[in-house]
Amino acid sequence: MTATVVLVTLLLAPAATGSAAPPGGCTTYTRGGDALPPHVSEWLAHSTDERVVRCPQPGAPGGAAATALYFGEGAVTRHGTVCTYPRHGLTLAGSGAAARLVRYDRSEALAMALADPECPPPHAPTTAQGYVETYDISTATFVGIMRLWSGLAGAPAVAPAAAPSGSGGTGALAAGTRARLQAALGAPTSGATVTRIVRIPGSVLRHRYALFVKAPDTPAGAGSQYVIYVDKKLRGPYDITAFAETN
């Protein structure tokens, strides 16, 4: 699978699907756990993964095993202030006693979280940010983007007329754009979580990223999903340039 195809797939896929913090209804099987399904036990026996996560596809009746999404996950390691673990997609091949999990491509995501002060356990039930699924970004880039997001999420709401729209190129989101984004995410913005960060191919002088954010759940159902576009010029700050609602 080419890098372009992988990028298009990630940009079109729902932000919650395959995220490092599985949506409700997912089941995590750990190495050495009790009552593992035979195909999960067989996969863990011959792979280096520490966990297998099974998520029913939206709309699949009863979350049947044949239509479930599977992910294999490696051990958590720490790199300075960032904790990481590798994550990749699996598919269930065959049926009945012959069913087994296999990797369907070689692409690898890296789940990242800020250590504060210890590495958070994967998929622990928490209201905190937790792990973010990332593609083709460094831990330093992750820290920079999450600092930018933290500044937005923790800042007081700003009236749309407080500043002209657009990005000011100062490393902080201009007030007009920030107000529209805060209004879209709802109050409080601090309740929104980042689910995925993808690097968009570009030049060495200008790096571009897509930041997927899930707004807090509403009484009517699941929270909305947004994609926020971030640019960073050589030796320049991270800067939000645009955002849009997605699936």
C-alpha atoms as a PDB file:
ATOM      1  CA  MET A   1       0.000   0.000   0.000  1.00  0.00           C
ATOM      2  CA  THR A   2       1.492   3.329  -1.062  1.00  0.00           C
ATOM      3  CA  ALA A   3       1.868   6.299   1.261  1.00  0.00           C
ATOM      4  CA  THR A   4      -0.677   8.255  -0.812  1.00  0.00           C
ATOM      5  CA  VAL A   5      -3.304   5.503  -0.574  1.00  0.00           C
ATOM      6  CA  VAL A   6      -2.698   5.174   3.172  1.00  0.00           C
ATOM      7  CA  LEU A   7      -3.107   8.946   3.623  1.00  0.00           C
ATOM      8  CA  VAL A   8      -6.335   9.104   1.623  1.00  0.00           C
ATOM      9  CA  THR A   9      -7.726   6.150   3.589  1.00  0.00           C
ATOM     10  CA  LEU A  10      -6.896   7.819   6.900  1.00  0.00           C
ATOM     11  CA  LEU A  11      -8.367  11.172   5.893  1.00  0.00           C
ATOM     12  CA  LEU A  12     -11.629   9.574   4.738  1.00  0.00           C
ATOM     13  CA  ALA A  13     -11.982   7.103   7.602  1.00  0.00           C
ATOM     14  CA  PRO A  14     -14.064   8.044  10.651  1.00  0.00           C
ATOM     15  CA  ALA A  15     -11.807   9.463  13.326  1.00  0.00           C
ATOM     16  CA  ALA A  16     -13.030   7.075  16.024  1.00  0.00           C
ATOM     17  CA  THR A  17     -12.431   3.947  13.950  1.00  0.00           C
ATOM     18  CA  GLY A  18      -9.075   2.458  14.768  1.00  0.00           C
ATOM     19  CA  SER A  19      -8.183   5.163  17.220  1.00  0.00           C
ATOM     20  CA  ALA A  20      -5.774   4.395  20.022  1.00  0.00           C
ATOM     21  CA  ALA A  21      -8.618   4.687  22.506  1.00  0.00           C
ATOM     22  CA  PRO A  22     -11.251   2.272  21.166  1.00  0.00           C
ATOM     23  CA  PRO A  23     -14.865   3.439  21.055  1.00  0.00           C
ATOM     24  CA  GLY A  24     -17.468   1.851  23.288  1.00  0.00           C
ATOM     25  CA  GLY A  25     -18.159  -1.809  22.606  1.00  0.00           C
ATOM     26  CA  CYS A  26     -14.539  -2.772  21.916  1.00  0.00           C
ATOM     27  CA  THR A  27     -12.913  -5.673  23.754  1.00  0.00           C
ATOM     28  CA  THR A  28      -9.210  -5.795  24.641  1.00  0.00           C
ATOM     29  CA  TYR A  29      -7.522  -9.216  24.939  1.00  0.00           C
ATOM     30  CA  THR A  30      -4.146  -9.244  26.680  1.00  0.00           C
ATOM     31  CA  ARG A  31      -1.357 -11.780  26.493  1.00  0.00           C
ATOM     32  CA  GLY A  32      -1.847 -14.291  29.296  1.00  0.00           C
ATOM     33  CA  GLY A  33      -5.474 -13.279  29.801  1.00  0.00           C
ATOM     34  CA  ASP A  34      -8.283 -15.697  30.537  1.00  0.00           C
ATOM     35  CA  ALA A  35     -10.815 -17.074  28.055  1.00  0.00           C
ATOM     36  CA  LEU A  36      -9.077 -15.815  24.898  1.00  0.00           C
ATOM     37  CA  PRO A  37     -10.842 -16.694  21.618  1.00  0.00           C
ATOM     38  CA  PRO A  38      -8.834 -19.381  19.760  1.00  0.00           C
ATOM     39  CA  HIS A  39      -7.883 -17.055  16.870  1.00  0.00           C
ATOM     40  CA  VAL A  40      -6.678 -14.368  19.333  1.00  0.00           C
ATOM     41  CA  SER A  41      -4.709 -16.909  21.368  1.00  0.00           C
ATOM     42  CA  GLU A  42      -3.095 -18.263  18.194  1.00  0.00           C
ATOM     43  CA  TRP A  43      -2.115 -14.759  17.037  1.00  0.00           C
ATOM     44  CA  LEU A  44      -0.546 -13.795  20.366  1.00  0.00           C
ATOM     45  CA  ALA A  45       1.332 -17.113  20.461  1.00  0.00           C
ATOM     46  CA  HIS A  46       3.310 -16.358  17.289  1.00  0.00           C
ATOM     47  CA  SER A  47       3.447 -12.542  17.242  1.00  0.00           C
ATOM     48  CA  THR A  48       5.209  -9.953  19.390  1.00  0.00           C
ATOM     49  CA  ASP A  49       1.952  -8.117  20.156  1.00  0.00           C
ATOM     50  CA  GLU A  50       0.903  -7.625  23.765  1.00  0.00           C
ATOM     51  CA  ARG A  51      -2.794  -7.076  23.053  1.00  0.00           C
ATOM     52  CA  VAL A  52      -5.505  -7.651  20.462  1.00  0.00           C
ATOM     53  CA  VAL A  53      -8.416  -5.198  20.315  1.00  0.00           C
ATOM     54  CA  ARG A  54     -11.712  -6.264  18.716  1.00  0.00           C
ATOM     55  CA  CYS A  55     -14.262  -3.606  17.721  1.00  0.00           C
ATOM     56  CA  PRO A  56     -17.641  -4.292  16.076  1.00  0.00           C
ATOM     57  CA  GLN A  57     -18.144  -2.328  12.893  1.00  0.00           C
ATOM     58  CA  PRO A  58     -20.867   0.328  13.088  1.00  0.00           C
ATOM     59  CA  GLY A  59     -24.138  -1.134  11.857  1.00  0.00           C
ATOM     60  CA  ALA A  60     -22.974  -4.762  12.012  1.00  0.00           C
ATOM     61  CA  PRO A  61     -25.816  -6.782  13.576  1.00  0.00           C
ATOM     62  CA  GLY A  62     -24.639  -8.079  16.941  1.00  0.00           C
ATOM     63  CA  GLY A  63     -21.024  -7.209  16.096  1.00  0.00           C
ATOM     64  CA  ALA A  64     -20.526 -10.575  14.406  1.00  0.00           C
ATOM     65  CA  ALA A  65     -16.951 -11.870  14.481  1.00  0.00           C
ATOM     66  CA  ALA A  66     -16.801 -11.997  10.665  1.00  0.00           C
ATOM     67  CA  THR A  67     -17.404  -8.229  10.440  1.00  0.00           C
ATOM     68  CA  ALA A  68     -15.407  -7.080  13.474  1.00  0.00           C
ATOM     69  CA  LEU A  69     -12.331  -4.854  13.247  1.00  0.00           C
ATOM     70  CA  TYR A  70      -9.173  -6.214  14.895  1.00  0.00           C
ATOM     71  CA  PHE A  71      -5.964  -4.423  15.914  1.00  0.00           C
ATOM     72  CA  GLY A  72      -2.696  -5.819  17.211  1.00  0.00           C
ATOM     73  CA  GLU A  73      -0.751  -3.693  19.699  1.00  0.00           C
ATOM     74  CA  GLY A  74       2.823  -3.854  20.985  1.00  0.00           C
ATOM     75  CA  ALA A  75       4.405  -3.035  24.322  1.00  0.00           C
ATOM     76  CA  VAL A  76       4.453   0.484  25.772  1.00  0.00           C
ATOM     77  CA  THR A  77       7.821   2.249  25.748  1.00  0.00           C
ATOM     78  CA  ARG A  78       8.830   5.700  26.942  1.00  0.00           C
ATOM     79  CA  HIS A  79      10.820   8.295  24.990  1.00  0.00           C
ATOM     80  CA  GLY A  80      11.432  11.286  27.230  1.00  0.00           C
ATOM     81  CA  THR A  81       8.032  12.780  27.988  1.00  0.00           C
ATOM     82  CA  VAL A  82       6.190  10.678  25.388  1.00  0.00           C
ATOM     83  CA  CYS A  83       4.902   7.106  25.773  1.00  0.00           C
ATOM     84  CA  THR A  84       4.354   5.029  22.628  1.00  0.00           C
ATOM     85  CA  TYR A  85       3.232   1.623  21.405  1.00  0.00           C
ATOM     86  CA  PRO A  86       2.895   0.279  17.837  1.00  0.00           C
ATOM     87  CA  ARG A  87      -0.554  -0.550  16.427  1.00  0.00           C
ATOM     88  CA  HIS A  88      -1.621  -2.288  13.211  1.00  0.00           C
ATOM     89  CA  GLY A  89      -4.764  -3.636  11.613  1.00  0.00           C
ATOM     90  CA  LEU A  90      -5.640  -7.319  11.527  1.00  0.00           C
ATOM     91  CA  THR A  91      -8.305  -9.251   9.655  1.00  0.00           C
ATOM     92  CA  LEU A  92     -10.000 -12.549  10.426  1.00  0.00           C
ATOM     93  CA  ALA A  93      -9.338 -14.999   7.602  1.00  0.00           C
ATOM     94  CA  GLY A  94     -11.171 -18.295   7.193  1.00  0.00           C
ATOM     95  CA  SER A  95     -14.076 -19.551   9.255  1.00  0.00           C
ATOM     96  CA  GLY A  96     -14.884 -21.960  12.018  1.00  0.00           C
ATOM     97  CA  ALA A  97     -11.936 -23.848  13.496  1.00  0.00           C
ATOM     98  CA  ALA A  98      -9.719 -22.636  10.618  1.00  0.00           C
ATOM     99  CA  ALA A  99     -10.268 -18.933  11.352  1.00  0.00           C
ATOM    100  CA  ARG A 100      -7.105 -16.989  12.127  1.00  0.00           C
ATOM    101  CA  LEU A 101      -5.924 -13.408  12.375  1.00  0.00           C
ATOM    102  CA  VAL A 102      -3.519 -12.053   9.737  1.00  0.00           C
ATOM    103  CA  ARG A 103      -2.096  -8.628   8.919  1.00  0.00           C
ATOM    104  CA  TYR A 104      -3.661  -7.191   5.782  1.00  0.00           C
ATOM    105  CA  ASP A 105      -0.967  -4.559   5.091  1.00  0.00           C
ATOM    106  CA  ARG A 106       2.422  -3.449   6.426  1.00  0.00           C
ATOM    107  CA  SER A 107       1.402   0.039   7.580  1.00  0.00           C
ATOM    108  CA  GLU A 108       2.045   0.749  11.253  1.00  0.00           C
ATOM    109  CA  ALA A 109       0.540   3.385  13.492  1.00  0.00           C
ATOM    110  CA  LEU A 110       2.246   4.616  16.634  1.00  0.00           C
ATOM    111  CA  ALA A 111       0.010   5.443  19.566  1.00  0.00           C
ATOM    112  CA  MET A 112       1.442   8.352  21.584  1.00  0.00           C
ATOM    113  CA  ALA A 113       0.587   9.926  24.923  1.00  0.00           C
ATOM    114  CA  LEU A 114       2.252  12.507  27.127  1.00  0.00           C
ATOM    115  CA  ALA A 115       3.707  10.947  30.286  1.00  0.00           C
ATOM    116  CA  ASP A 116       2.318  12.778  33.310  1.00  0.00           C
ATOM    117  CA  PRO A 117       4.308  11.539  35.134  1.00  0.00           C
ATOM    118  CA  GLU A 118       3.890   7.828  34.258  1.00  0.00           C
ATOM    119  CA  CYS A 119       2.805   6.174  31.025  1.00  0.00           C
ATOM    120  CA  PRO A 120      -0.982   5.753  31.040  1.00  0.00           C
ATOM    121  CA  PRO A 121      -2.194   2.171  30.502  1.00  0.00           C
ATOM    122  CA  PRO A 122      -3.631   1.606  27.006  1.00  0.00           C
ATOM    123  CA  HIS A 123      -7.430   1.767  26.827  1.00  0.00           C
ATOM    124  CA  ALA A 124      -7.892   2.555  30.501  1.00  0.00           C
ATOM    125  CA  PRO A 125     -11.327   4.085  31.152  1.00  0.00           C
ATOM    126  CA  THR A 126     -10.559   7.729  31.777  1.00  0.00           C
ATOM    127  CA  THR A 127     -11.733  11.201  30.852  1.00  0.00           C
ATOM    128  CA  ALA A 128      -8.146  12.317  30.199  1.00  0.00           C
ATOM    129  CA  GLN A 129      -6.635  12.652  26.724  1.00  0.00           C
ATOM    130  CA  GLY A 130      -4.944   9.237  26.720  1.00  0.00           C
ATOM    131  CA  TYR A 131      -3.213   7.816  23.636  1.00  0.00           C
ATOM    132  CA  VAL A 132      -3.457   9.308  20.143  1.00  0.00           C
ATOM    133  CA  GLU A 133      -3.036   7.239  16.974  1.00  0.00           C
ATOM    134  CA  THR A 134      -0.270   8.840  14.877  1.00  0.00           C
ATOM    135  CA  TYR A 135       1.154   8.260  11.408  1.00  0.00           C
ATOM    136  CA  ASP A 136       4.587   9.419  10.235  1.00  0.00           C
ATOM    137  CA  ILE A 137       5.281  11.945  13.002  1.00  0.00           C
ATOM    138  CA  SER A 138       8.090  12.158  15.543  1.00  0.00           C
ATOM    139  CA  THR A 139       7.671  12.382  19.305  1.00  0.00           C
ATOM    140  CA  ALA A 140       8.929  15.982  19.143  1.00  0.00           C
ATOM    141  CA  THR A 141       6.239  16.840  16.589  1.00  0.00           C
ATOM    142  CA  PHE A 142       3.638  15.162  18.795  1.00  0.00           C
ATOM    143  CA  VAL A 143       4.679  17.302  21.753  1.00  0.00           C
ATOM    144  CA  GLY A 144       4.541  20.489  19.654  1.00  0.00           C
ATOM    145  CA  ILE A 145       1.086  19.755  18.227  1.00  0.00           C
ATOM    146  CA  MET A 146      -0.342  18.690  21.577  1.00  0.00           C
ATOM    147  CA  ARG A 147       0.968  21.908  23.164  1.00  0.00           C
ATOM    148  CA  LEU A 148      -0.803  23.872  20.446  1.00  0.00           C
ATOM    149  CA  TRP A 149      -4.005  21.907  21.060  1.00  0.00           C
ATOM    150  CA  SER A 150      -3.691  22.331  24.834  1.00  0.00           C
ATOM    151  CA  GLY A 151      -3.413  26.079  24.417  1.00  0.00           C
ATOM    152  CA  LEU A 152      -6.638  26.097  22.404  1.00  0.00           C
ATOM    153  CA  ALA A 153      -8.570  23.631  24.576  1.00  0.00           C
ATOM    154  CA  GLY A 154      -7.583  25.332  27.827  1.00  0.00           C
ATOM    155  CA  ALA A 155      -8.083  28.906  26.672  1.00  0.00           C
ATOM    156  CA  PRO A 156     -11.197  30.945  27.524  1.00  0.00           C
ATOM    157  CA  ALA A 157     -13.771  31.253  24.773  1.00  0.00           C
ATOM    158  CA  VAL A 158     -13.232  34.221  22.473  1.00  0.00           C
ATOM    159  CA  ALA A 159     -15.910  36.261  20.727  1.00  0.00           C
ATOM    160  CA  PRO A 160     -15.778  35.853  16.913  1.00  0.00           C
ATOM    161  CA  ALA A 161     -15.343  39.628  16.465  1.00  0.00           C
ATOM    162  CA  ALA A 162     -12.301  39.746  18.741  1.00  0.00           C
ATOM    163  CA  ALA A 163      -9.873  39.367  15.832  1.00  0.00           C
ATOM    164  CA  PRO A 164      -9.907  38.796  12.083  1.00  0.00           C
ATOM    165  CA  SER A 165     -10.243  35.228  10.912  1.00  0.00           C
ATOM    166  CA  GLY A 166      -7.319  33.151   9.780  1.00  0.00           C
ATOM    167  CA  SER A 167      -4.022  32.152  11.268  1.00  0.00           C
ATOM    168  CA  GLY A 168      -1.714  34.818  12.550  1.00  0.00           C
ATOM    169  CA  GLY A 169       1.498  32.876  12.024  1.00  0.00           C
ATOM    170  CA  THR A 170       2.540  33.389  15.642  1.00  0.00           C
ATOM    171  CA  GLY A 171       2.158  29.796  16.825  1.00  0.00           C
ATOM    172  CA  ALA A 172      -1.195  30.575  18.461  1.00  0.00           C
ATOM    173  CA  LEU A 173      -4.514  30.347  16.679  1.00  0.00           C
ATOM    174  CA  ALA A 174      -5.884  33.758  15.725  1.00  0.00           C
ATOM    175  CA  ALA A 175      -8.864  34.743  17.850  1.00  0.00           C
ATOM    176  CA  GLY A 176     -11.433  34.750  15.036  1.00  0.00           C
ATOM    177  CA  THR A 177     -10.624  31.230  13.869  1.00  0.00           C
ATOM    178  CA  ARG A 178     -10.267  30.048  17.461  1.00  0.00           C
ATOM    179  CA  ALA A 179     -13.728  31.355  18.313  1.00  0.00           C
ATOM    180  CA  ARG A 180     -15.323  29.525  15.371  1.00  0.00           C
ATOM    181  CA  LEU A 181     -13.527  26.301  16.260  1.00  0.00           C
ATOM    182  CA  GLN A 182     -14.506  26.599  19.934  1.00  0.00           C
ATOM    183  CA  ALA A 183     -18.104  27.226  18.918  1.00  0.00           C
ATOM    184  CA  ALA A 184     -18.059  24.149  16.669  1.00  0.00           C
ATOM    185  CA  LEU A 185     -16.548  21.921  19.360  1.00  0.00           C
ATOM    186  CA  GLY A 186     -18.966  23.178  21.982  1.00  0.00           C
ATOM    187  CA  ALA A 187     -18.419  24.125  25.597  1.00  0.00           C
ATOM    188  CA  PRO A 188     -16.230  23.242  27.226  1.00  0.00           C
ATOM    189  CA  THR A 189     -13.642  22.830  24.486  1.00  0.00           C
ATOM    190  CA  SER A 190     -11.407  21.157  27.075  1.00  0.00           C
ATOM    191  CA  GLY A 191     -13.767  18.153  26.924  1.00  0.00           C
ATOM    192  CA  ALA A 192     -12.748  17.419  23.318  1.00  0.00           C
ATOM    193  CA  THR A 193     -10.058  14.805  22.685  1.00  0.00           C
ATOM    194  CA  VAL A 194      -7.542  14.247  19.899  1.00  0.00           C
ATOM    195  CA  THR A 195      -7.942  10.796  18.339  1.00  0.00           C
ATOM    196  CA  ARG A 196      -5.480  10.797  15.430  1.00  0.00           C
ATOM    197  CA  ILE A 197      -2.641  12.849  13.923  1.00  0.00           C
ATOM    198  CA  VAL A 198      -1.519  12.216  10.327  1.00  0.00           C
ATOM    199  CA  ARG A 199       1.332  13.869   8.479  1.00  0.00           C
ATOM    200  CA  ILE A 200       0.330  15.096   5.018  1.00  0.00           C
ATOM    201  CA  PRO A 201       3.071  14.751   2.365  1.00  0.00           C
ATOM    202  CA  GLY A 202       4.651  18.091   1.498  1.00  0.00           C
ATOM    203  CA  SER A 203       7.963  19.875   1.160  1.00  0.00           C
ATOM    204  CA  VAL A 204      10.880  19.892   3.585  1.00  0.00           C
ATOM    205  CA  LEU A 205      10.282  23.615   4.107  1.00  0.00           C
ATOM    206  CA  ARG A 206       6.664  23.203   5.146  1.00  0.00           C
ATOM    207  CA  HIS A 207       5.219  20.284   7.090  1.00  0.00           C
ATOM    208  CA  ARG A 208       1.456  19.743   7.146  1.00  0.00           C
ATOM    209  CA  TYR A 209      -0.639  17.631   9.500  1.00  0.00           C
ATOM    210  CA  ALA A 210      -4.266  16.570   9.927  1.00  0.00           C
ATOM    211  CA  LEU A 211      -5.446  16.531  13.536  1.00  0.00           C
ATOM    212  CA  PHE A 212      -8.669  14.584  14.213  1.00  0.00           C
ATOM    213  CA  VAL A 213     -10.682  15.736  17.230  1.00  0.00           C
ATOM    214  CA  LYS A 214     -13.809  14.305  18.859  1.00  0.00           C
ATOM    215  CA  ALA A 215     -16.085  16.788  20.610  1.00  0.00           C
ATOM    216  CA  PRO A 216     -17.737  15.750  23.890  1.00  0.00           C
ATOM    217  CA  ASP A 217     -20.786  13.515  23.625  1.00  0.00           C
ATOM    218  CA  THR A 218     -24.105  15.296  23.547  1.00  0.00           C
ATOM    219  CA  PRO A 219     -27.457  14.194  25.001  1.00  0.00           C
ATOM    220  CA  ALA A 220     -28.578  13.401  21.448  1.00  0.00           C
ATOM    221  CA  GLY A 221     -25.759  10.924  20.838  1.00  0.00           C
ATOM    222  CA  ALA A 222     -22.096  10.685  19.962  1.00  0.00           C
ATOM    223  CA  GLY A 223     -20.040  13.847  19.765  1.00  0.00           C
ATOM    224  CA  SER A 224     -19.084  15.373  16.434  1.00  0.00           C
ATOM    225  CA  GLN A 225     -15.766  14.682  14.705  1.00  0.00           C
ATOM    226  CA  TYR A 226     -13.539  17.442  13.317  1.00  0.00           C
ATOM    227  CA  VAL A 227     -10.325  17.524  11.299  1.00  0.00           C
ATOM    228  CA  ILE A 228      -7.976  20.419  12.068  1.00  0.00           C
ATOM    229  CA  TYR A 229      -5.159  21.252   9.656  1.00  0.00           C
ATOM    230  CA  VAL A 230      -1.809  22.293  11.129  1.00  0.00           C
ATOM    231  CA  ASP A 231       1.190  23.755   9.298  1.00  0.00           C
ATOM    232  CA  LYS A 232       4.771  24.222  10.405  1.00  0.00           C
ATOM    233  CA  LYS A 233       7.285  26.108   8.310  1.00  0.00           C
ATOM    234  CA  LEU A 234      11.004  25.472   8.718  1.00  0.00           C
ATOM    235  CA  ARG A 235      12.101  26.958  12.074  1.00  0.00           C
ATOM    236  CA  GLY A 236       8.573  28.312  12.492  1.00  0.00           C
ATOM    237  CA  PRO A 237       5.845  27.536  15.041  1.00  0.00           C
ATOM    238  CA  TYR A 238       2.965  25.089  14.659  1.00  0.00           C
ATOM    239  CA  ASP A 239      -0.042  26.955  13.289  1.00  0.00           C
ATOM    240  CA  ILE A 240      -3.689  25.916  12.749  1.00  0.00           C
ATOM    241  CA  THR A 241      -4.775  26.905   9.239  1.00  0.00           C
ATOM    242  CA  ALA A 242      -8.248  25.404   8.811  1.00  0.00           C
ATOM    243  CA  PHE A 243     -10.777  22.958  10.233  1.00  0.00           C
ATOM    244  CA  ALA A 244     -13.869  21.098   9.059  1.00  0.00           C
ATOM    245  CA  GLU A 245     -16.455  18.639  10.360  1.00  0.00           C
ATOM    246  CA  THR A 246     -15.963  15.041   9.294  1.00  0.00           C
ATOM    247  CA  ASN A 247     -17.648  11.655   9.796  1.00  0.00           C
END
